[in-house]
Amino acid sequence: MNGTPLTRRTLLQSAALATVTAPFVRGAHAAGKLAVGFWDHWVPGANDMLTKLCREWAEKEKVEISIDFITSQGDKLMLTGAAEEQARSGHDILGMPTWYAAPQGRAPRAGR
């Protein structure tokens, strides 16, 4: 065996050396995937600009992003949120007007 006994001090020194010398390696998709749903804006070019901003952010943060633009006609945006809540799946982030989110709030249960 090696002549150096394993003590707390030698263990801490080797751990500190390993953290200093080992570089932080971040893979291509280290942060994972993100599914986002936005309101389909009626202003020409607004969706393109938002897509560009999201793609720039995702590239910088190493996130694979998927963007959906959902129309508000026929309350499709609100219905999508309700359906995804019941299914417990869907978009990770769903952009909604402030007044759509208030009815979705839950009162805390007793004992929680």
N, C-alpha and C. Protein backbone atom coordinates (compact mmCIF):
# COMPACT_ATOMS: atom_id res chain seq x y z
N MET A 1 0.83 -1.18 0.00
CA MET A 1 0.00 0.00 0.00
C MET A 1 0.87 1.24 0.00
N ASN A 2 0.25 2.33 -0.16
CA ASN A 2 0.91 3.63 -0.11
C ASN A 2 1.34 3.89 1.33
N GLY A 3 2.40 4.57 1.55
CA GLY A 3 2.90 4.81 2.89
C GLY A 3 2.14 5.89 3.65
N THR A 4 1.25 6.63 3.01
CA THR A 4 0.52 7.71 3.67
C THR A 4 -0.76 7.18 4.30
N PRO A 5 -0.91 7.38 5.61
CA PRO A 5 -2.14 6.91 6.25
C PRO A 5 -3.32 7.82 5.85
N LEU A 6 -4.51 7.23 5.80
CA LEU A 6 -5.70 7.99 5.45
C LEU A 6 -6.25 8.66 6.70
N THR A 7 -6.09 9.96 6.75
CA THR A 7 -6.60 10.73 7.87
C THR A 7 -7.62 11.73 7.33
N ARG A 8 -8.28 12.38 8.25
CA ARG A 8 -9.26 13.39 7.85
C ARG A 8 -8.57 14.52 7.08
N ARG A 9 -7.41 14.90 7.50
CA ARG A 9 -6.68 15.98 6.84
C ARG A 9 -6.28 15.60 5.42
N THR A 10 -5.75 14.41 5.21
CA THR A 10 -5.34 14.00 3.86
C THR A 10 -6.56 13.82 2.95
N LEU A 11 -7.66 13.36 3.51
CA LEU A 11 -8.88 13.20 2.73
C LEU A 11 -9.41 14.57 2.28
N LEU A 12 -9.44 15.54 3.18
CA LEU A 12 -9.89 16.88 2.83
C LEU A 12 -8.96 17.55 1.82
N GLN A 13 -7.65 17.33 1.96
CA GLN A 13 -6.71 17.91 1.01
C GLN A 13 -6.90 17.34 -0.38
N SER A 14 -7.11 16.03 -0.47
CA SER A 14 -7.29 15.43 -1.79
C SER A 14 -8.64 15.84 -2.39
N ALA A 15 -9.67 16.00 -1.57
CA ALA A 15 -10.97 16.44 -2.07
C ALA A 15 -10.90 17.88 -2.56
N ALA A 16 -10.21 18.74 -1.82
CA ALA A 16 -10.05 20.13 -2.23
C ALA A 16 -9.25 20.22 -3.52
N LEU A 17 -8.23 19.43 -3.64
CA LEU A 17 -7.42 19.42 -4.86
C LEU A 17 -8.25 18.95 -6.06
N ALA A 18 -9.10 17.95 -5.83
CA ALA A 18 -9.93 17.44 -6.93
C ALA A 18 -10.94 18.47 -7.40
N THR A 19 -11.52 19.24 -6.48
CA THR A 19 -12.50 20.24 -6.88
C THR A 19 -11.85 21.43 -7.58
N VAL A 20 -10.62 21.74 -7.21
CA VAL A 20 -9.93 22.86 -7.85
C VAL A 20 -9.44 22.49 -9.24
N THR A 21 -8.95 21.28 -9.39
CA THR A 21 -8.36 20.90 -10.66
C THR A 21 -9.37 20.38 -11.67
N ALA A 22 -10.51 19.84 -11.21
CA ALA A 22 -11.50 19.30 -12.14
C ALA A 22 -12.35 20.44 -12.71
N PRO A 23 -12.36 20.61 -14.01
CA PRO A 23 -13.16 21.69 -14.59
C PRO A 23 -14.64 21.33 -14.59
N PHE A 24 -15.47 22.36 -14.59
CA PHE A 24 -16.91 22.15 -14.68
C PHE A 24 -17.26 21.89 -16.13
N VAL A 25 -17.81 20.74 -16.40
CA VAL A 25 -18.15 20.36 -17.77
C VAL A 25 -19.66 20.36 -17.88
N ARG A 26 -20.16 21.14 -18.81
CA ARG A 26 -21.60 21.22 -19.03
C ARG A 26 -21.90 20.67 -20.40
N GLY A 27 -22.75 19.67 -20.45
CA GLY A 27 -23.09 19.03 -21.71
C GLY A 27 -23.98 19.89 -22.59
N ALA A 28 -24.29 19.36 -23.75
CA ALA A 28 -25.08 20.11 -24.72
C ALA A 28 -26.48 20.42 -24.21
N HIS A 29 -27.07 19.50 -23.48
CA HIS A 29 -28.41 19.72 -22.96
C HIS A 29 -28.42 19.48 -21.45
N ALA A 30 -27.52 20.14 -20.76
CA ALA A 30 -27.36 19.92 -19.34
C ALA A 30 -28.57 20.38 -18.54
N ALA A 31 -29.24 21.41 -19.00
CA ALA A 31 -30.36 21.95 -18.23
C ALA A 31 -31.67 21.27 -18.58
N GLY A 32 -31.73 20.49 -19.64
CA GLY A 32 -32.95 19.75 -19.96
C GLY A 32 -33.80 20.41 -21.01
N LYS A 33 -35.09 20.13 -20.92
CA LYS A 33 -36.05 20.62 -21.90
C LYS A 33 -37.07 21.51 -21.22
N LEU A 34 -37.61 22.44 -21.98
CA LEU A 34 -38.61 23.36 -21.47
C LEU A 34 -39.67 23.55 -22.54
N ALA A 35 -40.93 23.34 -22.18
CA ALA A 35 -42.05 23.56 -23.09
C ALA A 35 -42.81 24.79 -22.61
N VAL A 36 -42.96 25.76 -23.51
CA VAL A 36 -43.57 27.04 -23.16
C VAL A 36 -44.75 27.31 -24.09
N GLY A 37 -45.83 27.80 -23.52
CA GLY A 37 -46.98 28.22 -24.31
C GLY A 37 -47.22 29.70 -24.11
N PHE A 38 -47.26 30.45 -25.20
CA PHE A 38 -47.49 31.89 -25.15
C PHE A 38 -48.78 32.25 -25.87
N TRP A 39 -49.32 33.40 -25.54
CA TRP A 39 -50.47 33.94 -26.24
C TRP A 39 -50.05 34.31 -27.65
N ASP A 40 -50.83 33.87 -28.62
CA ASP A 40 -50.56 34.19 -30.03
C ASP A 40 -50.93 35.65 -30.25
N HIS A 41 -49.92 36.50 -30.34
CA HIS A 41 -50.14 37.94 -30.40
C HIS A 41 -50.63 38.38 -31.77
N TRP A 42 -51.48 39.39 -31.79
CA TRP A 42 -52.07 39.87 -33.03
C TRP A 42 -51.18 40.89 -33.74
N VAL A 43 -50.16 41.40 -33.09
CA VAL A 43 -49.27 42.38 -33.71
C VAL A 43 -48.31 41.63 -34.65
N PRO A 44 -48.23 42.05 -35.92
CA PRO A 44 -47.32 41.37 -36.86
C PRO A 44 -45.87 41.43 -36.37
N GLY A 45 -45.22 40.28 -36.35
CA GLY A 45 -43.81 40.20 -35.96
C GLY A 45 -43.58 40.00 -34.48
N ALA A 46 -44.61 40.11 -33.64
CA ALA A 46 -44.42 39.97 -32.19
C ALA A 46 -44.01 38.53 -31.84
N ASN A 47 -44.65 37.55 -32.46
CA ASN A 47 -44.32 36.16 -32.16
C ASN A 47 -42.89 35.83 -32.62
N ASP A 48 -42.49 36.38 -33.75
CA ASP A 48 -41.13 36.14 -34.25
C ASP A 48 -40.09 36.71 -33.29
N MET A 49 -40.35 37.90 -32.77
CA MET A 49 -39.41 38.53 -31.84
C MET A 49 -39.33 37.74 -30.53
N LEU A 50 -40.48 37.29 -30.04
CA LEU A 50 -40.48 36.50 -28.80
C LEU A 50 -39.76 35.16 -29.01
N THR A 51 -39.96 34.55 -30.17
CA THR A 51 -39.27 33.30 -30.48
C THR A 51 -37.77 33.51 -30.52
N LYS A 52 -37.35 34.61 -31.13
CA LYS A 52 -35.92 34.92 -31.22
C LYS A 52 -35.31 35.11 -29.83
N LEU A 53 -36.01 35.84 -28.96
CA LEU A 53 -35.52 36.05 -27.59
C LEU A 53 -35.43 34.74 -26.81
N CYS A 54 -36.44 33.91 -26.97
CA CYS A 54 -36.44 32.63 -26.26
C CYS A 54 -35.32 31.72 -26.75
N ARG A 55 -35.10 31.69 -28.05
CA ARG A 55 -34.04 30.84 -28.62
C ARG A 55 -32.66 31.32 -28.16
N GLU A 56 -32.46 32.64 -28.11
CA GLU A 56 -31.18 33.18 -27.63
C GLU A 56 -30.94 32.78 -26.17
N TRP A 57 -31.99 32.90 -25.35
CA TRP A 57 -31.86 32.52 -23.94
C TRP A 57 -31.56 31.03 -23.82
N ALA A 58 -32.30 30.22 -24.57
CA ALA A 58 -32.13 28.77 -24.48
C ALA A 58 -30.74 28.34 -24.92
N GLU A 59 -30.22 28.99 -25.94
CA GLU A 59 -28.86 28.66 -26.41
C GLU A 59 -27.83 29.01 -25.35
N LYS A 60 -28.01 30.15 -24.70
CA LYS A 60 -27.07 30.58 -23.67
C LYS A 60 -27.13 29.66 -22.45
N GLU A 61 -28.33 29.22 -22.08
CA GLU A 61 -28.51 28.39 -20.88
C GLU A 61 -28.45 26.90 -21.16
N LYS A 62 -28.22 26.52 -22.42
CA LYS A 62 -28.14 25.11 -22.82
C LYS A 62 -29.44 24.36 -22.51
N VAL A 63 -30.56 24.96 -22.89
CA VAL A 63 -31.88 24.38 -22.68
C VAL A 63 -32.51 24.11 -24.03
N GLU A 64 -33.11 22.96 -24.18
CA GLU A 64 -33.86 22.66 -25.39
C GLU A 64 -35.27 23.18 -25.17
N ILE A 65 -35.69 24.17 -25.96
CA ILE A 65 -36.97 24.83 -25.74
C ILE A 65 -37.92 24.55 -26.89
N SER A 66 -39.18 24.33 -26.54
CA SER A 66 -40.22 24.23 -27.56
C SER A 66 -41.27 25.29 -27.24
N ILE A 67 -41.64 26.06 -28.25
CA ILE A 67 -42.53 27.20 -28.07
C ILE A 67 -43.81 26.96 -28.86
N ASP A 68 -44.94 27.15 -28.19
CA ASP A 68 -46.24 27.07 -28.84
C ASP A 68 -46.94 28.41 -28.67
N PHE A 69 -47.55 28.89 -29.72
CA PHE A 69 -48.35 30.11 -29.65
C PHE A 69 -49.81 29.69 -29.73
N ILE A 70 -50.56 30.02 -28.67
CA ILE A 70 -51.95 29.58 -28.53
C ILE A 70 -52.86 30.79 -28.68
N THR A 71 -53.84 30.66 -29.53
CA THR A 71 -54.77 31.77 -29.77
C THR A 71 -55.68 31.98 -28.56
N SER A 72 -56.17 33.20 -28.41
CA SER A 72 -57.10 33.49 -27.34
C SER A 72 -58.54 33.47 -27.85
N GLN A 73 -58.73 33.26 -29.13
CA GLN A 73 -60.09 33.19 -29.67
C GLN A 73 -60.78 31.94 -29.16
N GLY A 74 -62.03 32.12 -28.74
CA GLY A 74 -62.77 31.01 -28.18
C GLY A 74 -62.21 30.54 -26.86
N ASP A 75 -61.49 31.40 -26.17
CA ASP A 75 -60.86 31.07 -24.88
C ASP A 75 -59.96 29.85 -24.96
N LYS A 76 -59.32 29.65 -26.10
CA LYS A 76 -58.43 28.48 -26.29
C LYS A 76 -57.28 28.49 -25.29
N LEU A 77 -56.74 29.68 -25.00
CA LEU A 77 -55.63 29.76 -24.05
C LEU A 77 -56.08 29.32 -22.66
N MET A 78 -57.26 29.79 -22.23
CA MET A 78 -57.77 29.41 -20.91
C MET A 78 -58.14 27.93 -20.88
N LEU A 79 -58.74 27.43 -21.95
CA LEU A 79 -59.11 26.01 -22.00
C LEU A 79 -57.88 25.11 -22.01
N THR A 80 -56.82 25.55 -22.68
CA THR A 80 -55.57 24.78 -22.69
C THR A 80 -55.01 24.67 -21.28
N GLY A 81 -55.00 25.78 -20.56
CA GLY A 81 -54.51 25.75 -19.18
C GLY A 81 -55.33 24.83 -18.29
N ALA A 82 -56.65 24.86 -18.44
CA ALA A 82 -57.52 24.00 -17.63
C ALA A 82 -57.31 22.53 -17.99
N ALA A 83 -57.20 22.24 -19.28
CA ALA A 83 -57.00 20.85 -19.72
C ALA A 83 -55.65 20.31 -19.24
N GLU A 84 -54.60 21.14 -19.31
CA GLU A 84 -53.28 20.68 -18.87
C GLU A 84 -53.24 20.50 -17.35
N GLU A 85 -54.00 21.32 -16.64
CA GLU A 85 -54.05 21.16 -15.19
C GLU A 85 -54.73 19.83 -14.83
N GLN A 86 -55.83 19.51 -15.49
CA GLN A 86 -56.51 18.25 -15.21
C GLN A 86 -55.67 17.05 -15.62
N ALA A 87 -54.99 17.16 -16.74
CA ALA A 87 -54.17 16.05 -17.23
C ALA A 87 -52.84 15.93 -16.47
N ARG A 88 -52.48 16.98 -15.76
CA ARG A 88 -51.20 17.04 -15.04
C ARG A 88 -50.02 16.82 -15.99
N SER A 89 -50.17 17.35 -17.18
CA SER A 89 -49.09 17.31 -18.17
C SER A 89 -49.29 18.47 -19.13
N GLY A 90 -48.30 18.69 -19.95
CA GLY A 90 -48.40 19.78 -20.92
C GLY A 90 -47.21 20.70 -20.82
N HIS A 91 -47.46 21.98 -21.00
CA HIS A 91 -46.40 22.98 -20.98
C HIS A 91 -45.84 23.14 -19.57
N ASP A 92 -44.54 23.43 -19.51
CA ASP A 92 -43.91 23.75 -18.22
C ASP A 92 -44.30 25.16 -17.79
N ILE A 93 -44.38 26.06 -18.76
CA ILE A 93 -44.78 27.45 -18.50
C ILE A 93 -45.86 27.80 -19.49
N LEU A 94 -46.94 28.40 -18.99
CA LEU A 94 -48.04 28.80 -19.84
C LEU A 94 -48.33 30.26 -19.54
N GLY A 95 -48.02 31.13 -20.50
CA GLY A 95 -48.23 32.55 -20.31
C GLY A 95 -49.70 32.90 -20.42
N MET A 96 -50.24 33.56 -19.40
CA MET A 96 -51.64 33.92 -19.38
C MET A 96 -51.81 35.34 -18.87
N PRO A 97 -52.90 35.98 -19.25
CA PRO A 97 -53.19 37.28 -18.63
C PRO A 97 -53.43 37.11 -17.13
N THR A 98 -53.22 38.14 -16.39
CA THR A 98 -53.33 38.09 -14.94
C THR A 98 -54.71 37.60 -14.49
N TRP A 99 -55.74 38.05 -15.15
CA TRP A 99 -57.09 37.70 -14.71
C TRP A 99 -57.43 36.24 -14.99
N TYR A 100 -56.65 35.54 -15.82
CA TYR A 100 -56.89 34.11 -16.03
C TYR A 100 -56.33 33.27 -14.89
N ALA A 101 -55.29 33.74 -14.25
CA ALA A 101 -54.61 32.94 -13.22
C ALA A 101 -55.33 32.97 -11.88
N ALA A 102 -56.03 34.06 -11.56
CA ALA A 102 -56.66 34.20 -10.25
C ALA A 102 -57.64 33.08 -9.92
N PRO A 103 -58.52 32.67 -10.82
CA PRO A 103 -59.45 31.58 -10.47
C PRO A 103 -58.76 30.23 -10.30
N GLN A 104 -57.52 30.09 -10.77
CA GLN A 104 -56.81 28.82 -10.66
C GLN A 104 -56.14 28.65 -9.31
N GLY A 105 -56.11 29.70 -8.50
CA GLY A 105 -55.46 29.62 -7.19
C GLY A 105 -56.20 28.67 -6.27
N ARG A 106 -55.49 28.06 -5.38
CA ARG A 106 -56.07 27.10 -4.45
C ARG A 106 -55.94 27.64 -3.03
N ALA A 107 -56.99 27.50 -2.27
CA ALA A 107 -56.94 27.88 -0.86
C ALA A 107 -56.18 26.79 -0.11
N PRO A 108 -55.32 27.17 0.82
CA PRO A 108 -54.57 26.15 1.56
C PRO A 108 -55.50 25.29 2.42
N ARG A 109 -55.21 24.02 2.48
CA ARG A 109 -56.00 23.11 3.31
C ARG A 109 -55.59 23.24 4.77
N ALA A 110 -56.50 22.90 5.62
CA ALA A 110 -56.19 22.92 7.06
C ALA A 110 -55.13 21.86 7.35
N GLY A 111 -54.17 22.21 8.16
CA GLY A 111 -53.12 21.28 8.53
C GLY A 111 -51.93 21.29 7.59
N ARG A 112 -51.96 22.14 6.59
CA ARG A 112 -50.82 22.22 5.67
C ARG A 112 -50.03 23.45 5.88
